Amino acid sequence: MDVLLDRIKEDMKAAMKSGEKQRLGVIRLILAAIKQIEVDERITLDNERTLQVLDKMLKQRRESIRQFADAGRNDLVAIEEAEIVVIQEFMPQPLTDSEIDGLVSQAVTDSGAQSVKDMGKVMGLLKPIMQGRADMSIVSVKIKAALAE
C-alpha cells in the first residue's frame, strides 16, 4: 500500500478546503512529478520511489536557492524555501550529523573500502538507508573524509 502517496493526496484535499494556495500549489507539483514518472514508465510508484521523487525535488530547490542567492534574487529564494518546507513534511525524519557519521563509518567497515576509489561501494550501501533522510552531497563529503584518513 502506498501510504505516502495517499497522505499527499489527503493533504492536497485539506489544503483545498482550507484555501492554502501556496501549499496546494507545491502538493500539486509533487503529484505531477509522480504522475509523470508513472505515465512515462507505465508503473505505479511505491513509497520508496515516491521518496526518490521528493528527494530529487528537494535537491533541485536547494540548487535553485544557491543560484538565486548568487544572483541576489531573495524573492525567489523565499519561494523555493517555502516549497522545501512543504516537501519536507512528506519525508522521513532526517538523520542527525552523528547518525550520519556512524552510518558512514559502519559502511566503510562493511564494504572494506580502503581509499576514495572505493567510494562507490560505500555509497551503494548508504543510499538505500539514507534516501530522503540526508542530503547525499553532505554524505559524499563525509565518505571522502572517512576514506582519506
N, C-alpha and C. Protein backbone atom coordinates (compact mmCIF):
# COMPACT_ATOMS: atom_id res chain seq x y z
N MET A 1 0.85 -1.20 0.00
CA MET A 1 0.00 0.00 0.00
C MET A 1 0.87 1.24 0.00
N ASP A 2 0.55 2.18 -0.83
CA ASP A 2 1.33 3.40 -0.96
C ASP A 2 0.82 4.45 0.02
N VAL A 3 1.20 4.30 1.26
CA VAL A 3 0.74 5.16 2.34
C VAL A 3 1.16 6.61 2.10
N LEU A 4 2.38 6.80 1.62
CA LEU A 4 2.89 8.15 1.40
C LEU A 4 2.08 8.89 0.34
N LEU A 5 1.80 8.23 -0.75
CA LEU A 5 1.02 8.86 -1.83
C LEU A 5 -0.39 9.19 -1.35
N ASP A 6 -0.98 8.30 -0.57
CA ASP A 6 -2.31 8.56 0.00
C ASP A 6 -2.27 9.79 0.90
N ARG A 7 -1.21 9.91 1.70
CA ARG A 7 -1.06 11.04 2.61
C ARG A 7 -0.93 12.35 1.83
N ILE A 8 -0.17 12.32 0.74
CA ILE A 8 0.00 13.51 -0.08
C ILE A 8 -1.35 13.94 -0.67
N LYS A 9 -2.13 12.97 -1.14
CA LYS A 9 -3.44 13.29 -1.72
C LYS A 9 -4.40 13.84 -0.66
N GLU A 10 -4.36 13.26 0.55
CA GLU A 10 -5.21 13.77 1.64
C GLU A 10 -4.83 15.20 2.00
N ASP A 11 -3.52 15.48 2.04
CA ASP A 11 -3.06 16.83 2.35
C ASP A 11 -3.47 17.81 1.26
N MET A 12 -3.53 17.34 0.01
CA MET A 12 -3.99 18.20 -1.08
C MET A 12 -5.45 18.60 -0.84
N LYS A 13 -6.27 17.62 -0.47
CA LYS A 13 -7.68 17.91 -0.21
C LYS A 13 -7.83 18.90 0.95
N ALA A 14 -7.03 18.69 1.99
CA ALA A 14 -7.09 19.58 3.15
C ALA A 14 -6.66 21.00 2.77
N ALA A 15 -5.63 21.11 1.94
CA ALA A 15 -5.16 22.44 1.51
C ALA A 15 -6.22 23.13 0.65
N MET A 16 -6.93 22.34 -0.15
CA MET A 16 -8.01 22.92 -0.98
C MET A 16 -9.12 23.47 -0.10
N LYS A 17 -9.51 22.68 0.90
CA LYS A 17 -10.62 23.08 1.78
C LYS A 17 -10.26 24.30 2.61
N SER A 18 -8.99 24.39 3.05
CA SER A 18 -8.59 25.50 3.92
C SER A 18 -8.11 26.72 3.13
N GLY A 19 -8.04 26.58 1.81
CA GLY A 19 -7.67 27.72 0.98
C GLY A 19 -6.19 28.08 1.02
N GLU A 20 -5.35 27.12 1.35
CA GLU A 20 -3.90 27.37 1.39
C GLU A 20 -3.34 27.22 -0.03
N LYS A 21 -3.35 28.32 -0.77
CA LYS A 21 -3.00 28.27 -2.19
C LYS A 21 -1.54 27.87 -2.45
N GLN A 22 -0.62 28.43 -1.67
CA GLN A 22 0.79 28.10 -1.90
C GLN A 22 1.07 26.63 -1.60
N ARG A 23 0.55 26.16 -0.48
CA ARG A 23 0.74 24.76 -0.10
C ARG A 23 0.12 23.83 -1.15
N LEU A 24 -1.06 24.19 -1.60
CA LEU A 24 -1.75 23.40 -2.62
C LEU A 24 -0.92 23.34 -3.90
N GLY A 25 -0.33 24.47 -4.27
CA GLY A 25 0.49 24.51 -5.47
C GLY A 25 1.69 23.57 -5.39
N VAL A 26 2.34 23.54 -4.24
CA VAL A 26 3.51 22.66 -4.05
C VAL A 26 3.07 21.20 -4.08
N ILE A 27 1.98 20.89 -3.42
CA ILE A 27 1.48 19.50 -3.40
C ILE A 27 1.11 19.06 -4.81
N ARG A 28 0.53 19.97 -5.58
CA ARG A 28 0.20 19.63 -6.97
C ARG A 28 1.46 19.38 -7.80
N LEU A 29 2.52 20.15 -7.52
CA LEU A 29 3.81 19.91 -8.20
C LEU A 29 4.33 18.51 -7.87
N ILE A 30 4.22 18.12 -6.61
CA ILE A 30 4.66 16.79 -6.18
C ILE A 30 3.88 15.71 -6.93
N LEU A 31 2.56 15.84 -6.92
CA LEU A 31 1.71 14.84 -7.58
C LEU A 31 1.96 14.80 -9.09
N ALA A 32 2.23 15.96 -9.69
CA ALA A 32 2.52 16.00 -11.12
C ALA A 32 3.82 15.27 -11.44
N ALA A 33 4.83 15.46 -10.59
CA ALA A 33 6.11 14.78 -10.80
C ALA A 33 5.95 13.26 -10.67
N ILE A 34 5.17 12.84 -9.70
CA ILE A 34 4.91 11.41 -9.50
C ILE A 34 4.14 10.85 -10.71
N LYS A 35 3.10 11.55 -11.12
CA LYS A 35 2.28 11.10 -12.24
C LYS A 35 3.10 11.02 -13.52
N GLN A 36 3.99 11.97 -13.72
CA GLN A 36 4.84 11.98 -14.92
C GLN A 36 5.66 10.70 -15.02
N ILE A 37 6.25 10.29 -13.91
CA ILE A 37 7.05 9.05 -13.90
C ILE A 37 6.15 7.85 -14.12
N GLU A 38 4.99 7.84 -13.47
CA GLU A 38 4.07 6.71 -13.63
C GLU A 38 3.63 6.55 -15.08
N VAL A 39 3.36 7.66 -15.75
CA VAL A 39 2.93 7.61 -17.14
C VAL A 39 4.10 7.22 -18.05
N ASP A 40 5.26 7.86 -17.85
CA ASP A 40 6.42 7.58 -18.70
C ASP A 40 6.87 6.12 -18.61
N GLU A 41 6.87 5.59 -17.38
CA GLU A 41 7.40 4.24 -17.17
C GLU A 41 6.29 3.18 -17.07
N ARG A 42 5.05 3.61 -17.16
CA ARG A 42 3.90 2.70 -17.06
C ARG A 42 3.95 1.84 -15.79
N ILE A 43 4.18 2.49 -14.67
CA ILE A 43 4.24 1.80 -13.38
C ILE A 43 3.46 2.62 -12.36
N THR A 44 3.24 2.01 -11.20
CA THR A 44 2.70 2.73 -10.05
C THR A 44 3.82 2.84 -9.03
N LEU A 45 4.11 4.05 -8.60
CA LEU A 45 5.22 4.26 -7.68
C LEU A 45 4.90 3.73 -6.29
N ASP A 46 5.88 3.06 -5.68
CA ASP A 46 5.75 2.64 -4.30
C ASP A 46 6.33 3.75 -3.40
N ASN A 47 6.28 3.54 -2.10
CA ASN A 47 6.77 4.56 -1.17
C ASN A 47 8.23 4.91 -1.41
N GLU A 48 9.06 3.91 -1.68
CA GLU A 48 10.49 4.15 -1.87
C GLU A 48 10.74 5.04 -3.09
N ARG A 49 10.06 4.74 -4.18
CA ARG A 49 10.25 5.53 -5.40
C ARG A 49 9.64 6.92 -5.23
N THR A 50 8.55 7.03 -4.49
CA THR A 50 7.97 8.34 -4.21
C THR A 50 8.95 9.20 -3.42
N LEU A 51 9.63 8.57 -2.45
CA LEU A 51 10.65 9.29 -1.68
C LEU A 51 11.78 9.78 -2.58
N GLN A 52 12.15 8.98 -3.57
CA GLN A 52 13.19 9.39 -4.51
C GLN A 52 12.76 10.63 -5.28
N VAL A 53 11.49 10.67 -5.67
CA VAL A 53 10.96 11.84 -6.39
C VAL A 53 11.03 13.07 -5.49
N LEU A 54 10.59 12.92 -4.24
CA LEU A 54 10.61 14.04 -3.30
C LEU A 54 12.03 14.50 -3.04
N ASP A 55 12.94 13.55 -2.89
CA ASP A 55 14.35 13.86 -2.65
C ASP A 55 14.93 14.65 -3.82
N LYS A 56 14.59 14.25 -5.03
CA LYS A 56 15.06 14.95 -6.22
C LYS A 56 14.51 16.38 -6.26
N MET A 57 13.24 16.53 -5.88
CA MET A 57 12.63 17.86 -5.85
C MET A 57 13.33 18.76 -4.84
N LEU A 58 13.69 18.20 -3.69
CA LEU A 58 14.42 18.97 -2.68
C LEU A 58 15.78 19.39 -3.20
N LYS A 59 16.46 18.47 -3.85
CA LYS A 59 17.78 18.75 -4.40
C LYS A 59 17.70 19.88 -5.43
N GLN A 60 16.68 19.83 -6.29
CA GLN A 60 16.50 20.88 -7.31
C GLN A 60 16.28 22.24 -6.65
N ARG A 61 15.49 22.26 -5.60
CA ARG A 61 15.21 23.52 -4.93
C ARG A 61 16.42 24.07 -4.21
N ARG A 62 17.22 23.20 -3.60
CA ARG A 62 18.45 23.66 -2.93
C ARG A 62 19.40 24.29 -3.95
N GLU A 63 19.50 23.66 -5.11
CA GLU A 63 20.36 24.20 -6.18
C GLU A 63 19.81 25.54 -6.66
N SER A 64 18.50 25.64 -6.83
CA SER A 64 17.89 26.90 -7.25
C SER A 64 18.15 28.00 -6.23
N ILE A 65 18.06 27.65 -4.95
CA ILE A 65 18.31 28.63 -3.89
C ILE A 65 19.73 29.17 -4.01
N ARG A 66 20.70 28.29 -4.24
CA ARG A 66 22.09 28.73 -4.39
C ARG A 66 22.21 29.70 -5.57
N GLN A 67 21.61 29.34 -6.69
CA GLN A 67 21.70 30.19 -7.89
C GLN A 67 20.98 31.53 -7.69
N PHE A 68 19.80 31.50 -7.09
CA PHE A 68 19.06 32.73 -6.87
C PHE A 68 19.77 33.64 -5.86
N ALA A 69 20.36 33.03 -4.82
CA ALA A 69 21.09 33.82 -3.82
C ALA A 69 22.30 34.49 -4.46
N ASP A 70 23.00 33.75 -5.32
CA ASP A 70 24.16 34.33 -6.02
C ASP A 70 23.75 35.50 -6.91
N ALA A 71 22.54 35.41 -7.45
CA ALA A 71 22.04 36.46 -8.35
C ALA A 71 21.34 37.59 -7.58
N GLY A 72 21.26 37.45 -6.26
CA GLY A 72 20.63 38.49 -5.45
C GLY A 72 19.11 38.50 -5.54
N ARG A 73 18.52 37.39 -5.94
CA ARG A 73 17.06 37.30 -6.08
C ARG A 73 16.45 36.68 -4.82
N ASN A 74 16.44 37.44 -3.74
CA ASN A 74 15.93 36.93 -2.46
C ASN A 74 14.44 36.63 -2.51
N ASP A 75 13.70 37.28 -3.40
CA ASP A 75 12.28 37.00 -3.56
C ASP A 75 12.09 35.56 -4.03
N LEU A 76 12.92 35.14 -4.99
CA LEU A 76 12.83 33.77 -5.50
C LEU A 76 13.38 32.75 -4.50
N VAL A 77 14.38 33.15 -3.72
CA VAL A 77 14.92 32.28 -2.67
C VAL A 77 13.81 31.95 -1.68
N ALA A 78 13.04 32.96 -1.30
CA ALA A 78 11.96 32.76 -0.33
C ALA A 78 10.91 31.77 -0.85
N ILE A 79 10.58 31.86 -2.13
CA ILE A 79 9.60 30.94 -2.73
C ILE A 79 10.12 29.50 -2.68
N GLU A 80 11.38 29.30 -3.06
CA GLU A 80 11.98 27.96 -3.06
C GLU A 80 12.04 27.40 -1.64
N GLU A 81 12.41 28.25 -0.68
CA GLU A 81 12.49 27.80 0.71
C GLU A 81 11.12 27.38 1.23
N ALA A 82 10.08 28.11 0.85
CA ALA A 82 8.71 27.76 1.26
C ALA A 82 8.31 26.41 0.66
N GLU A 83 8.73 26.15 -0.58
CA GLU A 83 8.42 24.87 -1.21
C GLU A 83 9.16 23.73 -0.50
N ILE A 84 10.40 23.97 -0.10
CA ILE A 84 11.17 22.96 0.62
C ILE A 84 10.46 22.55 1.91
N VAL A 85 9.92 23.54 2.62
CA VAL A 85 9.22 23.26 3.88
C VAL A 85 8.06 22.29 3.65
N VAL A 86 7.28 22.53 2.60
CA VAL A 86 6.13 21.66 2.30
C VAL A 86 6.61 20.27 1.90
N ILE A 87 7.58 20.19 1.01
CA ILE A 87 8.07 18.89 0.53
C ILE A 87 8.63 18.07 1.69
N GLN A 88 9.38 18.73 2.59
CA GLN A 88 9.99 18.00 3.70
C GLN A 88 8.97 17.40 4.66
N GLU A 89 7.76 17.92 4.66
CA GLU A 89 6.71 17.35 5.52
C GLU A 89 6.42 15.90 5.16
N PHE A 90 6.67 15.52 3.92
CA PHE A 90 6.38 14.16 3.46
C PHE A 90 7.60 13.24 3.54
N MET A 91 8.73 13.78 3.95
CA MET A 91 9.96 13.00 4.04
C MET A 91 10.06 12.36 5.43
N PRO A 92 10.80 11.24 5.52
CA PRO A 92 11.01 10.65 6.84
C PRO A 92 11.87 11.57 7.71
N GLN A 93 11.90 11.26 9.00
CA GLN A 93 12.69 12.04 9.94
C GLN A 93 14.14 12.10 9.48
N PRO A 94 14.71 13.33 9.33
CA PRO A 94 16.10 13.41 8.88
C PRO A 94 17.09 12.84 9.90
N LEU A 95 18.18 12.33 9.39
CA LEU A 95 19.23 11.80 10.25
C LEU A 95 20.04 12.95 10.84
N THR A 96 20.51 12.77 12.07
CA THR A 96 21.38 13.78 12.68
C THR A 96 22.80 13.60 12.15
N ASP A 97 23.64 14.60 12.38
CA ASP A 97 25.04 14.51 11.93
C ASP A 97 25.73 13.30 12.54
N SER A 98 25.48 13.05 13.82
CA SER A 98 26.15 11.92 14.48
C SER A 98 25.64 10.59 13.92
N GLU A 99 24.35 10.51 13.58
CA GLU A 99 23.81 9.29 12.97
C GLU A 99 24.43 9.05 11.60
N ILE A 100 24.59 10.13 10.84
CA ILE A 100 25.21 10.02 9.51
C ILE A 100 26.66 9.56 9.66
N ASP A 101 27.40 10.18 10.58
CA ASP A 101 28.80 9.79 10.81
C ASP A 101 28.90 8.31 11.18
N GLY A 102 28.01 7.85 12.05
CA GLY A 102 28.02 6.45 12.47
C GLY A 102 27.73 5.51 11.31
N LEU A 103 26.73 5.86 10.49
CA LEU A 103 26.39 5.02 9.33
C LEU A 103 27.51 5.01 8.29
N VAL A 104 28.18 6.16 8.11
CA VAL A 104 29.29 6.23 7.15
C VAL A 104 30.44 5.34 7.61
N SER A 105 30.82 5.44 8.90
CA SER A 105 31.94 4.62 9.37
C SER A 105 31.59 3.13 9.33
N GLN A 106 30.34 2.80 9.63
CA GLN A 106 29.89 1.40 9.56
C GLN A 106 29.96 0.89 8.12
N ALA A 107 29.51 1.71 7.17
CA ALA A 107 29.51 1.32 5.76
C ALA A 107 30.94 1.18 5.22
N VAL A 108 31.85 2.05 5.68
CA VAL A 108 33.26 1.94 5.26
C VAL A 108 33.81 0.60 5.74
N THR A 109 33.52 0.24 6.98
CA THR A 109 33.97 -1.02 7.54
C THR A 109 33.35 -2.21 6.81
N ASP A 110 32.02 -2.17 6.64
CA ASP A 110 31.31 -3.28 6.00
C ASP A 110 31.73 -3.51 4.56
N SER A 111 32.04 -2.43 3.84
CA SER A 111 32.40 -2.56 2.42
C SER A 111 33.88 -2.90 2.23
N GLY A 112 34.66 -2.73 3.29
CA GLY A 112 36.10 -2.98 3.18
C GLY A 112 36.80 -1.92 2.35
N ALA A 113 36.21 -0.74 2.24
CA ALA A 113 36.78 0.35 1.44
C ALA A 113 38.12 0.78 2.02
N GLN A 114 39.10 0.97 1.13
CA GLN A 114 40.45 1.36 1.54
C GLN A 114 40.79 2.80 1.15
N SER A 115 40.25 3.27 0.04
CA SER A 115 40.59 4.60 -0.44
C SER A 115 39.37 5.24 -1.11
N VAL A 116 39.57 6.46 -1.58
CA VAL A 116 38.49 7.19 -2.24
C VAL A 116 38.01 6.44 -3.49
N LYS A 117 38.87 5.60 -4.07
CA LYS A 117 38.48 4.80 -5.23
C LYS A 117 37.32 3.85 -4.91
N ASP A 118 37.20 3.49 -3.63
CA ASP A 118 36.14 2.57 -3.18
C ASP A 118 34.87 3.29 -2.75
N MET A 119 34.79 4.58 -3.03
CA MET A 119 33.66 5.39 -2.58
C MET A 119 32.33 4.85 -3.08
N GLY A 120 32.30 4.33 -4.30
CA GLY A 120 31.07 3.80 -4.87
C GLY A 120 30.49 2.66 -4.06
N LYS A 121 31.38 1.79 -3.52
CA LYS A 121 30.92 0.68 -2.67
C LYS A 121 30.21 1.21 -1.43
N VAL A 122 30.83 2.21 -0.80
CA VAL A 122 30.27 2.78 0.43
C VAL A 122 28.94 3.47 0.13
N MET A 123 28.93 4.26 -0.94
CA MET A 123 27.70 4.98 -1.32
C MET A 123 26.59 3.99 -1.65
N GLY A 124 26.93 2.89 -2.27
CA GLY A 124 25.95 1.86 -2.61
C GLY A 124 25.27 1.28 -1.38
N LEU A 125 26.03 1.14 -0.30
CA LEU A 125 25.45 0.64 0.95
C LEU A 125 24.57 1.70 1.62
N LEU A 126 25.01 2.95 1.55
CA LEU A 126 24.33 4.01 2.30
C LEU A 126 23.09 4.57 1.62
N LYS A 127 23.10 4.63 0.31
CA LYS A 127 22.00 5.30 -0.39
C LYS A 127 20.62 4.73 -0.05
N PRO A 128 20.43 3.40 -0.04
CA PRO A 128 19.10 2.90 0.30
C PRO A 128 18.67 3.24 1.74
N ILE A 129 19.63 3.30 2.63
CA ILE A 129 19.33 3.58 4.05
C ILE A 129 19.01 5.05 4.25
N MET A 130 19.75 5.91 3.55
CA MET A 130 19.66 7.35 3.79
C MET A 130 18.75 8.10 2.83
N GLN A 131 18.23 7.44 1.82
CA GLN A 131 17.39 8.11 0.82
C GLN A 131 16.29 8.92 1.49
N GLY A 132 16.29 10.21 1.24
CA GLY A 132 15.26 11.07 1.79
C GLY A 132 15.48 11.47 3.24
N ARG A 133 16.51 10.93 3.85
CA ARG A 133 16.75 11.24 5.27
C ARG A 133 18.02 12.06 5.47
N ALA A 134 18.81 12.23 4.38
CA ALA A 134 20.04 13.01 4.46
C ALA A 134 20.37 13.57 3.09
N ASP A 135 21.01 14.73 3.08
CA ASP A 135 21.48 15.33 1.83
C ASP A 135 22.68 14.52 1.37
N MET A 136 22.53 13.81 0.24
CA MET A 136 23.58 12.89 -0.20
C MET A 136 24.87 13.61 -0.58
N SER A 137 24.82 14.89 -0.90
CA SER A 137 26.06 15.62 -1.19
C SER A 137 26.88 15.79 0.09
N ILE A 138 26.21 15.98 1.22
CA ILE A 138 26.90 16.07 2.50
C ILE A 138 27.46 14.70 2.87
N VAL A 139 26.68 13.65 2.64
CA VAL A 139 27.13 12.28 2.93
C VAL A 139 28.37 11.97 2.10
N SER A 140 28.37 12.39 0.85
CA SER A 140 29.50 12.16 -0.04
C SER A 140 30.78 12.80 0.52
N VAL A 141 30.67 14.02 1.01
CA VAL A 141 31.82 14.71 1.61
C VAL A 141 32.32 13.93 2.83
N LYS A 142 31.38 13.44 3.65
CA LYS A 142 31.76 12.68 4.85
C LYS A 142 32.44 11.36 4.48
N ILE A 143 31.99 10.72 3.41
CA ILE A 143 32.61 9.47 2.97
C ILE A 143 34.05 9.74 2.51
N LYS A 144 34.23 10.81 1.70
CA LYS A 144 35.57 11.16 1.24
C LYS A 144 36.50 11.42 2.42
N ALA A 145 35.99 12.14 3.41
CA ALA A 145 36.81 12.44 4.59
C ALA A 145 37.18 11.16 5.33
N ALA A 146 36.22 10.24 5.47
CA ALA A 146 36.48 8.99 6.17
C ALA A 146 37.50 8.13 5.44
N LEU A 147 37.45 8.14 4.12
CA LEU A 147 38.37 7.32 3.32
C LEU A 147 39.74 7.97 3.18
N ALA A 148 39.83 9.26 3.41
CA ALA A 148 41.12 9.96 3.29
C ALA A 148 41.99 9.78 4.54
N GLU A 149 41.36 9.32 5.63
CA GLU A 149 42.10 9.18 6.90
C GLU A 149 43.17 8.11 6.82
